[in-house]
Amino acid sequence: MPDLSVRLGTLELKNPVIPASGTFGFGYEMARFYDLDLLGAISLKGTTLHERYGNPTPRIAECREGLLNAIGLQNPGVHAVIEHEIPRLRQVYHGPVIANISGFALEEYVETAALFDACPDVDLLEINISCPNVKHGGMAFGTQPEAAREVTEAVKRACKKPVYMKLSPNVTDIAAIACACKEGGADGLVLINTLLGMVIDPRTGRPVVSTGAAGFSGPAVKPVAVRMVYQVYAATGLPVIGVGGVATADDVIEMMSAGASAVQVGAQNLVDPWACRNIIEELPHKMQKYGIEALSDIVGRAHRA
């Protein structure tokens, strides 16, 4: 029987398939579709220190190549997530939980992470450093190595649980950002977040999404994600969770071959609510077809080929 289990440092997952933050709500909403305990882990909807209403509508746009979104981190705030959302999830799901954390200043990241760190139902912290930092002129933490290292160090000082930094692909040197996070003490990395894109209505000549540019995800970003996972794995040696355009078991195997220890499924959940379940069911058949006995054996095999 093929072995689907994988490890993220000391955290063991029954399989590598994780619904990506922002595409699966807080998890319990999806329990009507299938048994959530099938999943390797769940990454919660992105959470900030305080409640956020997000960007004005319209904030979703479809295109031939994928999906654009500018939700704007709409969420009820960390206290509501810990007090209400996670307990509801635990009623229908008993596996590892990943808290996805965003902020607009270093202090917000640290306080939010510390609160999740103290929550016994959270197993791993995923720090999204793709959001603007208003104290640094609106630049993103994730686009400057020094800023990435700074927020990593600050969160690590405040937390005992594993800290994985989620990286932006909108940079010229992803390896430099990843190495800065490693220097700051990161236990692992998550990549990629969305690329910047835009859709313009040909009838009006105006951008479809209210913010103009928005986060682009879907099948078209997968080659970029695979390339960046490959580079970061080689540069850091840290555990990597690969994200971007994953829709099939073959995509999971490709991402793991590049260096990912686990894989998140994002936009495909919005197209097909059963996507993660279907991928998990498909994986053993693909493993037998390709002669793979254990998924953990193929992590980074493209570097050994």
C-alpha atoms as a PDB file:
ATOM      1  CA  MET A   1       0.000   0.000   0.000  1.00  0.00           C
ATOM      2  CA  PRO A   2       1.535   3.377  -0.976  1.00  0.00           C
ATOM      3  CA  ASP A   3       2.589   5.540   1.989  1.00  0.00           C
ATOM      4  CA  LEU A   4       1.092   9.048   1.696  1.00  0.00           C
ATOM      5  CA  SER A   5       2.400  10.343   5.033  1.00  0.00           C
ATOM      6  CA  VAL A   6       4.777  13.314   5.111  1.00  0.00           C
ATOM      7  CA  ARG A   7       6.488  15.452   7.732  1.00  0.00           C
ATOM      8  CA  LEU A   8       6.785  19.196   8.224  1.00  0.00           C
ATOM      9  CA  GLY A   9       9.633  19.246  10.698  1.00  0.00           C
ATOM     10  CA  THR A  10       8.249  17.441  13.760  1.00  0.00           C
ATOM     11  CA  LEU A  11       4.630  17.677  12.559  1.00  0.00           C
ATOM     12  CA  GLU A  12       3.375  14.507  10.874  1.00  0.00           C
ATOM     13  CA  LEU A  13       0.624  14.633   8.252  1.00  0.00           C
ATOM     14  CA  LYS A  14      -1.282  11.589   7.000  1.00  0.00           C
ATOM     15  CA  ASN A  15      -0.944  13.016   3.471  1.00  0.00           C
ATOM     16  CA  PRO A  16       0.506  16.182   1.903  1.00  0.00           C
ATOM     17  CA  VAL A  17      -2.794  17.786   0.817  1.00  0.00           C
ATOM     18  CA  ILE A  18      -3.760  21.030   2.594  1.00  0.00           C
ATOM     19  CA  PRO A  19      -6.502  23.462   1.544  1.00  0.00           C
ATOM     20  CA  ALA A  20      -4.819  26.849   1.100  1.00  0.00           C
ATOM     21  CA  SER A  21      -5.730  29.814   3.255  1.00  0.00           C
ATOM     22  CA  GLY A  22      -8.504  31.938   1.827  1.00  0.00           C
ATOM     23  CA  THR A  23      -9.966  29.157  -0.323  1.00  0.00           C
ATOM     24  CA  PHE A  24     -11.545  26.962   2.366  1.00  0.00           C
ATOM     25  CA  GLY A  25     -13.005  29.447   4.848  1.00  0.00           C
ATOM     26  CA  PHE A  26     -12.377  28.300   8.411  1.00  0.00           C
ATOM     27  CA  GLY A  27     -12.854  24.717   7.302  1.00  0.00           C
ATOM     28  CA  TYR A  28     -16.100  23.689   8.964  1.00  0.00           C
ATOM     29  CA  GLU A  29     -18.106  25.228   6.101  1.00  0.00           C
ATOM     30  CA  MET A  30     -16.785  22.439   3.871  1.00  0.00           C
ATOM     31  CA  ALA A  31     -17.776  19.527   6.131  1.00  0.00           C
ATOM     32  CA  ARG A  32     -21.055  19.134   4.223  1.00  0.00           C
ATOM     33  CA  PHE A  33     -19.093  18.032   1.153  1.00  0.00           C
ATOM     34  CA  TYR A  34     -16.879  15.294   2.665  1.00  0.00           C
ATOM     35  CA  ASP A  35     -15.117  14.041   5.804  1.00  0.00           C
ATOM     36  CA  LEU A  36     -12.509  16.692   6.580  1.00  0.00           C
ATOM     37  CA  ASP A  37     -10.392  14.182   8.511  1.00  0.00           C
ATOM     38  CA  LEU A  38      -9.228  12.936   5.103  1.00  0.00           C
ATOM     39  CA  LEU A  39      -7.053  16.065   4.797  1.00  0.00           C
ATOM     40  CA  GLY A  40      -3.390  16.306   5.698  1.00  0.00           C
ATOM     41  CA  ALA A  41      -4.012  19.635   7.442  1.00  0.00           C
ATOM     42  CA  ILE A  42      -6.149  22.777   7.079  1.00  0.00           C
ATOM     43  CA  SER A  43      -4.822  26.324   6.676  1.00  0.00           C
ATOM     44  CA  LEU A  44      -7.333  28.762   8.149  1.00  0.00           C
ATOM     45  CA  LYS A  45      -8.590  31.887   6.453  1.00  0.00           C
ATOM     46  CA  GLY A  46      -6.066  34.713   6.789  1.00  0.00           C
ATOM     47  CA  THR A  47      -6.434  36.416  10.167  1.00  0.00           C
ATOM     48  CA  THR A  48      -5.398  39.841  11.436  1.00  0.00           C
ATOM     49  CA  LEU A  49      -5.268  41.266  14.940  1.00  0.00           C
ATOM     50  CA  HIS A  50      -8.481  43.231  14.468  1.00  0.00           C
ATOM     51  CA  GLU A  51     -11.618  42.593  12.434  1.00  0.00           C
ATOM     52  CA  ARG A  52     -11.426  43.642   8.792  1.00  0.00           C
ATOM     53  CA  TYR A  53     -14.234  44.135   6.282  1.00  0.00           C
ATOM     54  CA  GLY A  54     -11.974  43.858   3.256  1.00  0.00           C
ATOM     55  CA  ASN A  55     -12.010  45.742  -0.024  1.00  0.00           C
ATOM     56  CA  PRO A  56     -15.104  47.135  -1.742  1.00  0.00           C
ATOM     57  CA  THR A  57     -16.800  45.005  -4.359  1.00  0.00           C
ATOM     58  CA  PRO A  58     -16.320  43.821  -7.031  1.00  0.00           C
ATOM     59  CA  ARG A  59     -13.317  41.946  -5.707  1.00  0.00           C
ATOM     60  CA  ILE A  60     -13.372  38.699  -7.711  1.00  0.00           C
ATOM     61  CA  ALA A  61     -12.798  38.312 -11.447  1.00  0.00           C
ATOM     62  CA  GLU A  62     -12.527  35.182 -13.567  1.00  0.00           C
ATOM     63  CA  CYS A  63     -10.368  34.943 -16.653  1.00  0.00           C
ATOM     64  CA  ARG A  64      -9.376  32.203 -19.059  1.00  0.00           C
ATOM     65  CA  GLU A  65      -6.110  31.545 -17.240  1.00  0.00           C
ATOM     66  CA  GLY A  66      -7.417  31.531 -13.648  1.00  0.00           C
ATOM     67  CA  LEU A  67      -8.891  33.797 -11.013  1.00  0.00           C
ATOM     68  CA  LEU A  68      -8.178  37.261  -9.623  1.00  0.00           C
ATOM     69  CA  ASN A  69      -9.135  38.284  -6.111  1.00  0.00           C
ATOM     70  CA  ALA A  70      -8.811  41.361  -3.952  1.00  0.00           C
ATOM     71  CA  ILE A  71     -10.728  40.240  -0.870  1.00  0.00           C
ATOM     72  CA  GLY A  72      -8.596  42.455   1.337  1.00  0.00           C
ATOM     73  CA  LEU A  73      -8.153  40.055   4.260  1.00  0.00           C
ATOM     74  CA  GLN A  74     -11.777  40.143   5.354  1.00  0.00           C
ATOM     75  CA  ASN A  75     -11.896  38.304   8.706  1.00  0.00           C
ATOM     76  CA  PRO A  76     -13.396  38.645  12.201  1.00  0.00           C
ATOM     77  CA  GLY A  77     -10.075  39.188  13.988  1.00  0.00           C
ATOM     78  CA  VAL A  78      -7.872  36.809  15.953  1.00  0.00           C
ATOM     79  CA  HIS A  79      -9.930  36.770  19.163  1.00  0.00           C
ATOM     80  CA  ALA A  80     -13.111  35.771  17.315  1.00  0.00           C
ATOM     81  CA  VAL A  81     -11.231  33.101  15.356  1.00  0.00           C
ATOM     82  CA  ILE A  82      -9.836  31.531  18.528  1.00  0.00           C
ATOM     83  CA  GLU A  83     -13.081  31.801  20.498  1.00  0.00           C
ATOM     84  CA  HIS A  84     -15.596  30.846  17.805  1.00  0.00           C
ATOM     85  CA  GLU A  85     -14.188  29.664  14.475  1.00  0.00           C
ATOM     86  CA  ILE A  86     -11.616  27.105  15.643  1.00  0.00           C
ATOM     87  CA  PRO A  87     -13.999  25.416  18.146  1.00  0.00           C
ATOM     88  CA  ARG A  88     -16.542  25.031  15.332  1.00  0.00           C
ATOM     89  CA  LEU A  89     -13.860  23.500  13.130  1.00  0.00           C
ATOM     90  CA  ARG A  90     -12.818  21.075  15.878  1.00  0.00           C
ATOM     91  CA  GLN A  91     -16.342  19.666  15.967  1.00  0.00           C
ATOM     92  CA  VAL A  92     -15.860  18.244  12.464  1.00  0.00           C
ATOM     93  CA  TYR A  93     -12.073  17.993  12.033  1.00  0.00           C
ATOM     94  CA  HIS A  94      -9.362  16.487  14.232  1.00  0.00           C
ATOM     95  CA  GLY A  95      -6.155  16.886  12.224  1.00  0.00           C
ATOM     96  CA  PRO A  96      -3.426  19.560  12.208  1.00  0.00           C
ATOM     97  CA  VAL A  97      -4.542  23.195  12.016  1.00  0.00           C
ATOM     98  CA  ILE A  98      -2.419  25.951  10.465  1.00  0.00           C
ATOM     99  CA  ALA A  99      -3.146  29.549  11.493  1.00  0.00           C
ATOM    100  CA  ASN A 100      -2.533  32.003   8.649  1.00  0.00           C
ATOM    101  CA  ILE A 101      -1.491  35.391  10.027  1.00  0.00           C
ATOM    102  CA  SER A 102      -1.328  38.796   8.334  1.00  0.00           C
ATOM    103  CA  GLY A 103      -0.460  42.243   9.655  1.00  0.00           C
ATOM    104  CA  PHE A 104       0.262  45.822   8.720  1.00  0.00           C
ATOM    105  CA  ALA A 105       2.996  46.437  11.264  1.00  0.00           C
ATOM    106  CA  LEU A 106       5.570  44.289  13.031  1.00  0.00           C
ATOM    107  CA  GLU A 107       3.740  44.571  16.353  1.00  0.00           C
ATOM    108  CA  GLU A 108       0.512  43.262  14.798  1.00  0.00           C
ATOM    109  CA  TYR A 109       2.224  40.184  13.453  1.00  0.00           C
ATOM    110  CA  VAL A 110       3.810  39.440  16.818  1.00  0.00           C
ATOM    111  CA  GLU A 111       0.662  39.932  18.898  1.00  0.00           C
ATOM    112  CA  THR A 112      -1.524  37.892  16.561  1.00  0.00           C
ATOM    113  CA  ALA A 113       1.041  35.096  16.331  1.00  0.00           C
ATOM    114  CA  ALA A 114       1.456  34.984  20.118  1.00  0.00           C
ATOM    115  CA  LEU A 115      -2.289  34.589  20.588  1.00  0.00           C
ATOM    116  CA  PHE A 116      -2.439  31.707  18.116  1.00  0.00           C
ATOM    117  CA  ASP A 117       0.694  30.214  19.680  1.00  0.00           C
ATOM    118  CA  ALA A 118      -1.169  29.993  22.995  1.00  0.00           C
ATOM    119  CA  CYS A 119      -4.171  28.270  21.376  1.00  0.00           C
ATOM    120  CA  PRO A 120      -3.929  24.493  21.940  1.00  0.00           C
ATOM    121  CA  ASP A 121      -5.890  23.758  18.757  1.00  0.00           C
ATOM    122  CA  VAL A 122      -3.306  25.402  16.473  1.00  0.00           C
ATOM    123  CA  ASP A 123      -0.313  23.318  15.389  1.00  0.00           C
ATOM    124  CA  LEU A 124       1.642  25.591  13.041  1.00  0.00           C
ATOM    125  CA  LEU A 125       1.861  29.325  12.303  1.00  0.00           C
ATOM    126  CA  GLU A 126       1.859  30.485   8.670  1.00  0.00           C
ATOM    127  CA  ILE A 127       3.032  34.101   8.519  1.00  0.00           C
ATOM    128  CA  ASN A 128       1.863  35.871   5.368  1.00  0.00           C
ATOM    129  CA  ILE A 129       4.455  38.542   4.611  1.00  0.00           C
ATOM    130  CA  SER A 130       2.847  39.749   1.393  1.00  0.00           C
ATOM    131  CA  CYS A 131       0.715  42.472   2.987  1.00  0.00           C
ATOM    132  CA  PRO A 132       1.639  46.191   3.065  1.00  0.00           C
ATOM    133  CA  ASN A 133       3.535  47.416   6.100  1.00  0.00           C
ATOM    134  CA  VAL A 134       2.331  50.956   6.647  1.00  0.00           C
ATOM    135  CA  LYS A 135       5.236  51.779   8.954  1.00  0.00           C
ATOM    136  CA  HIS A 136       7.667  51.206   6.103  1.00  0.00           C
ATOM    137  CA  GLY A 137       6.107  53.437   3.485  1.00  0.00           C
ATOM    138  CA  GLY A 138       3.519  50.865   2.395  1.00  0.00           C
ATOM    139  CA  MET A 139       6.117  48.359   1.182  1.00  0.00           C
ATOM    140  CA  ALA A 140       5.459  44.664   1.783  1.00  0.00           C
ATOM    141  CA  PHE A 141       7.528  42.801   4.366  1.00  0.00           C
ATOM    142  CA  GLY A 142       7.967  40.041   1.848  1.00  0.00           C
ATOM    143  CA  THR A 143       9.715  42.076  -0.847  1.00  0.00           C
ATOM    144  CA  GLN A 144      12.802  43.115   1.145  1.00  0.00           C
ATOM    145  CA  PRO A 145      15.176  40.533   2.699  1.00  0.00           C
ATOM    146  CA  GLU A 146      15.912  42.647   5.765  1.00  0.00           C
ATOM    147  CA  ALA A 147      12.234  43.254   6.486  1.00  0.00           C
ATOM    148  CA  ALA A 148      11.470  39.543   5.972  1.00  0.00           C
ATOM    149  CA  ARG A 149      14.203  38.589   8.420  1.00  0.00           C
ATOM    150  CA  GLU A 150      13.003  41.194  10.935  1.00  0.00           C
ATOM    151  CA  VAL A 151       9.426  39.937  11.098  1.00  0.00           C
ATOM    152  CA  THR A 152      10.594  36.305  11.211  1.00  0.00           C
ATOM    153  CA  GLU A 153      12.877  37.011  14.165  1.00  0.00           C
ATOM    154  CA  ALA A 154      10.175  38.934  16.009  1.00  0.00           C
ATOM    155  CA  VAL A 155       7.565  36.207  15.614  1.00  0.00           C
ATOM    156  CA  LYS A 156      10.033  33.466  16.555  1.00  0.00           C
ATOM    157  CA  ARG A 157      10.917  35.291  19.768  1.00  0.00           C
ATOM    158  CA  ALA A 158       7.245  35.391  20.739  1.00  0.00           C
ATOM    159  CA  CYS A 159       6.257  31.836  19.747  1.00  0.00           C
ATOM    160  CA  LYS A 160       7.148  28.225  20.514  1.00  0.00           C
ATOM    161  CA  LYS A 161       5.195  26.546  17.718  1.00  0.00           C
ATOM    162  CA  PRO A 162       6.683  26.045  14.234  1.00  0.00           C
ATOM    163  CA  VAL A 163       6.773  29.252  12.186  1.00  0.00           C
ATOM    164  CA  TYR A 164       6.462  29.020   8.402  1.00  0.00           C
ATOM    165  CA  MET A 165       6.845  32.208   6.373  1.00  0.00           C
ATOM    166  CA  LYS A 166       4.540  32.603   3.360  1.00  0.00           C
ATOM    167  CA  LEU A 167       6.423  34.356   0.575  1.00  0.00           C
ATOM    168  CA  SER A 168       5.350  36.699  -2.188  1.00  0.00           C
ATOM    169  CA  PRO A 169       6.307  35.769  -5.768  1.00  0.00           C
ATOM    170  CA  ASN A 170       6.309  39.446  -6.745  1.00  0.00           C
ATOM    171  CA  VAL A 171      10.052  39.791  -6.188  1.00  0.00           C
ATOM    172  CA  THR A 172      13.172  39.590  -8.337  1.00  0.00           C
ATOM    173  CA  ASP A 173      15.034  37.078  -6.118  1.00  0.00           C
ATOM    174  CA  ILE A 174      12.828  34.655  -4.171  1.00  0.00           C
ATOM    175  CA  ALA A 175      15.867  32.774  -2.842  1.00  0.00           C
ATOM    176  CA  ALA A 176      17.228  35.924  -1.182  1.00  0.00           C
ATOM    177  CA  ILE A 177      13.928  36.456   0.665  1.00  0.00           C
ATOM    178  CA  ALA A 178      13.819  32.786   1.677  1.00  0.00           C
ATOM    179  CA  CYS A 179      17.388  32.858   2.972  1.00  0.00           C
ATOM    180  CA  ALA A 180      16.616  35.976   5.001  1.00  0.00           C
ATOM    181  CA  CYS A 181      13.699  34.138   6.625  1.00  0.00           C
ATOM    182  CA  LYS A 182      15.990  31.210   7.414  1.00  0.00           C
ATOM    183  CA  GLU A 183      18.462  33.615   9.030  1.00  0.00           C
ATOM    184  CA  GLY A 184      15.578  34.941  11.105  1.00  0.00           C
ATOM    185  CA  GLY A 185      14.867  31.467  12.440  1.00  0.00           C
ATOM    186  CA  ALA A 186      11.994  30.271  10.220  1.00  0.00           C
ATOM    187  CA  ASP A 187      11.132  26.601  10.645  1.00  0.00           C
ATOM    188  CA  GLY A 188       9.809  26.386   7.097  1.00  0.00           C
ATOM    189  CA  LEU A 189       8.451  28.291   4.118  1.00  0.00           C
ATOM    190  CA  VAL A 190       5.189  28.476   2.170  1.00  0.00           C
ATOM    191  CA  LEU A 191       5.193  29.599  -1.464  1.00  0.00           C
ATOM    192  CA  ILE A 192       3.895  31.044  -3.593  1.00  0.00           C
ATOM    193  CA  ASN A 193       1.249  33.602  -2.778  1.00  0.00           C
ATOM    194  CA  THR A 194      -0.673  35.143  -5.675  1.00  0.00           C
ATOM    195  CA  LEU A 195       0.954  36.995  -8.558  1.00  0.00           C
ATOM    196  CA  LEU A 196      -0.218  40.500  -9.376  1.00  0.00           C
ATOM    197  CA  GLY A 197      -2.616  40.605 -12.292  1.00  0.00           C
ATOM    198  CA  MET A 198      -5.414  42.631 -13.830  1.00  0.00           C
ATOM    199  CA  VAL A 199      -8.560  42.032 -15.880  1.00  0.00           C
ATOM    200  CA  ILE A 200     -10.093  44.877 -17.927  1.00  0.00           C
ATOM    201  CA  ASP A 201     -13.668  44.803 -19.188  1.00  0.00           C
ATOM    202  CA  PRO A 202     -13.478  45.299 -22.981  1.00  0.00           C
ATOM    203  CA  ARG A 203     -16.919  46.940 -22.989  1.00  0.00           C
ATOM    204  CA  THR A 204     -16.062  49.692 -20.501  1.00  0.00           C
ATOM    205  CA  GLY A 205     -12.272  49.783 -20.663  1.00  0.00           C
ATOM    206  CA  ARG A 206     -12.163  49.682 -16.861  1.00  0.00           C
ATOM    207  CA  PRO A 207     -10.568  47.139 -14.509  1.00  0.00           C
ATOM    208  CA  VAL A 208     -13.108  44.587 -13.337  1.00  0.00           C
ATOM    209  CA  VAL A 209     -11.826  44.446  -9.744  1.00  0.00           C
ATOM    210  CA  SER A 210     -12.337  47.549  -7.586  1.00  0.00           C
ATOM    211  CA  THR A 211      -8.649  47.713  -6.635  1.00  0.00           C
ATOM    212  CA  GLY A 212      -7.434  47.530 -10.238  1.00  0.00           C
ATOM    213  CA  ALA A 213      -4.582  45.070  -9.744  1.00  0.00           C
ATOM    214  CA  ALA A 214      -5.408  41.933  -7.789  1.00  0.00           C
ATOM    215  CA  GLY A 215      -3.982  38.574  -6.771  1.00  0.00           C
ATOM    216  CA  PHE A 216      -3.842  36.144  -9.690  1.00  0.00           C
ATOM    217  CA  SER A 217      -4.077  32.397  -9.026  1.00  0.00           C
ATOM    218  CA  GLY A 218      -5.029  29.220 -10.852  1.00  0.00           C
ATOM    219  CA  PRO A 219      -3.462  26.813 -13.364  1.00  0.00           C
ATOM    220  CA  ALA A 220      -1.353  29.442 -15.133  1.00  0.00           C
ATOM    221  CA  VAL A 221       0.788  30.157 -12.043  1.00  0.00           C
ATOM    222  CA  LYS A 222       1.901  26.554 -11.456  1.00  0.00           C
ATOM    223  CA  PRO A 223       5.136  26.660 -13.512  1.00  0.00           C
ATOM    224  CA  VAL A 224       6.159  29.803 -11.611  1.00  0.00           C
ATOM    225  CA  ALA A 225       5.368  28.144  -8.285  1.00  0.00           C
ATOM    226  CA  VAL A 226       7.274  24.973  -9.189  1.00  0.00           C
ATOM    227  CA  ARG A 227      10.313  27.009 -10.233  1.00  0.00           C
ATOM    228  CA  MET A 228      10.302  29.027  -7.017  1.00  0.00           C
ATOM    229  CA  VAL A 229       9.852  25.956  -4.801  1.00  0.00           C
ATOM    230  CA  TYR A 230      12.784  24.360  -6.625  1.00  0.00           C
ATOM    231  CA  GLN A 231      14.993  27.423  -6.045  1.00  0.00           C
ATOM    232  CA  VAL A 232      14.046  27.911  -2.402  1.00  0.00           C
ATOM    233  CA  TYR A 233      14.504  24.239  -1.512  1.00  0.00           C
ATOM    234  CA  ALA A 234      18.010  24.342  -2.984  1.00  0.00           C
ATOM    235  CA  ALA A 235      18.879  27.649  -1.328  1.00  0.00           C
ATOM    236  CA  THR A 236      17.629  26.945   2.203  1.00  0.00           C
ATOM    237  CA  GLY A 237      17.078  23.241   2.821  1.00  0.00           C
ATOM    238  CA  LEU A 238      14.041  24.178   4.927  1.00  0.00           C
ATOM    239  CA  PRO A 239      10.736  22.296   4.734  1.00  0.00           C
ATOM    240  CA  VAL A 240       8.573  23.882   2.042  1.00  0.00           C
ATOM    241  CA  ILE A 241       4.816  23.872   1.531  1.00  0.00           C
ATOM    242  CA  GLY A 242       4.246  24.360  -2.193  1.00  0.00           C
ATOM    243  CA  VAL A 243       1.265  26.377  -3.422  1.00  0.00           C
ATOM    244  CA  GLY A 244       0.116  27.582  -6.815  1.00  0.00           C
ATOM    245  CA  GLY A 245      -2.053  26.025  -9.504  1.00  0.00           C
ATOM    246  CA  VAL A 246      -2.314  22.602  -7.849  1.00  0.00           C
ATOM    247  CA  ALA A 247      -5.396  20.760  -9.130  1.00  0.00           C
ATOM    248  CA  THR A 248      -4.444  17.083  -9.558  1.00  0.00           C
ATOM    249  CA  ALA A 249      -2.397  14.306  -7.974  1.00  0.00           C
ATOM    250  CA  ASP A 250       0.185  14.782 -10.746  1.00  0.00           C
ATOM    251  CA  ASP A 251       0.521  18.425  -9.665  1.00  0.00           C
ATOM    252  CA  VAL A 252       1.196  17.305  -6.084  1.00  0.00           C
ATOM    253  CA  ILE A 253       3.891  14.877  -7.222  1.00  0.00           C
ATOM    254  CA  GLU A 254       5.469  17.552  -9.429  1.00  0.00           C
ATOM    255  CA  MET A 255       5.523  20.089  -6.591  1.00  0.00           C
ATOM    256  CA  MET A 256       7.028  17.579  -4.163  1.00  0.00           C
ATOM    257  CA  SER A 257       9.650  16.586  -6.716  1.00  0.00           C
ATOM    258  CA  ALA A 258      10.695  20.253  -6.837  1.00  0.00           C
ATOM    259  CA  GLY A 259      11.218  20.238  -3.061  1.00  0.00           C
ATOM    260  CA  ALA A 260       7.854  20.628  -1.323  1.00  0.00           C
ATOM    261  CA  SER A 261       7.217  18.444   1.719  1.00  0.00           C
ATOM    262  CA  ALA A 262       3.483  19.225   1.536  1.00  0.00           C
ATOM    263  CA  VAL A 263       1.230  21.004  -0.925  1.00  0.00           C
ATOM    264  CA  GLN A 264      -1.645  23.467  -0.600  1.00  0.00           C
ATOM    265  CA  VAL A 265      -4.608  23.484  -2.976  1.00  0.00           C
ATOM    266  CA  GLY A 266      -5.994  26.981  -3.564  1.00  0.00           C
ATOM    267  CA  ALA A 267      -8.109  28.242  -6.439  1.00  0.00           C
ATOM    268  CA  GLN A 268      -9.181  24.733  -7.411  1.00  0.00           C
ATOM    269  CA  ASN A 269     -11.282  24.559  -4.215  1.00  0.00           C
ATOM    270  CA  LEU A 270     -13.369  27.430  -5.584  1.00  0.00           C
ATOM    271  CA  VAL A 271     -13.887  25.583  -8.867  1.00  0.00           C
ATOM    272  CA  ASP A 272     -14.518  22.182  -7.285  1.00  0.00           C
ATOM    273  CA  PRO A 273     -15.347  21.859  -3.556  1.00  0.00           C
ATOM    274  CA  TRP A 274     -14.270  18.192  -3.694  1.00  0.00           C
ATOM    275  CA  ALA A 275     -10.837  18.992  -5.138  1.00  0.00           C
ATOM    276  CA  CYS A 276      -8.738  18.062  -2.105  1.00  0.00           C
ATOM    277  CA  ARG A 277     -10.669  14.857  -1.489  1.00  0.00           C
ATOM    278  CA  ASN A 278     -10.322  13.849  -5.135  1.00  0.00           C
ATOM    279  CA  ILE A 279      -6.581  14.500  -5.145  1.00  0.00           C
ATOM    280  CA  ILE A 280      -6.080  12.398  -1.983  1.00  0.00           C
ATOM    281  CA  GLU A 281      -8.067   9.528  -3.504  1.00  0.00           C
ATOM    282  CA  GLU A 282      -6.103   9.801  -6.770  1.00  0.00           C
ATOM    283  CA  LEU A 283      -2.631   9.876  -5.188  1.00  0.00           C
ATOM    284  CA  PRO A 284      -2.247   6.125  -4.403  1.00  0.00           C
ATOM    285  CA  HIS A 285      -3.139   5.218  -7.996  1.00  0.00           C
ATOM    286  CA  LYS A 286      -0.613   7.687  -9.394  1.00  0.00           C
ATOM    287  CA  MET A 287       2.042   6.455  -6.963  1.00  0.00           C
ATOM    288  CA  GLN A 288       1.541   2.878  -8.107  1.00  0.00           C
ATOM    289  CA  LYS A 289       1.648   3.982 -11.736  1.00  0.00           C
ATOM    290  CA  TYR A 290       4.981   5.776 -11.232  1.00  0.00           C
ATOM    291  CA  GLY A 291       6.508   3.203  -8.873  1.00  0.00           C
ATOM    292  CA  ILE A 292       6.491   5.506  -5.830  1.00  0.00           C
ATOM    293  CA  GLU A 293       6.289   3.595  -2.537  1.00  0.00           C
ATOM    294  CA  ALA A 294       6.395   6.579  -0.172  1.00  0.00           C
ATOM    295  CA  LEU A 295       5.684  10.221  -0.992  1.00  0.00           C
ATOM    296  CA  SER A 296       8.329  11.360   1.481  1.00  0.00           C
ATOM    297  CA  ASP A 297      10.946   9.693  -0.731  1.00  0.00           C
ATOM    298  CA  ILE A 298      10.304  11.996  -3.681  1.00  0.00           C
ATOM    299  CA  VAL A 299      10.773  15.335  -1.883  1.00  0.00           C
ATOM    300  CA  GLY A 300      13.365  17.267  -3.882  1.00  0.00           C
ATOM    301  CA  ARG A 301      14.113  14.370  -6.263  1.00  0.00           C
ATOM    302  CA  ALA A 302      14.372  16.793  -9.203  1.00  0.00           C
ATOM    303  CA  HIS A 303      17.604  18.030  -7.598  1.00  0.00           C
ATOM    304  CA  ARG A 304      18.973  14.496  -7.572  1.00  0.00           C
ATOM    305  CA  ALA A 305      17.992  13.593 -11.110  1.00  0.00           C
END
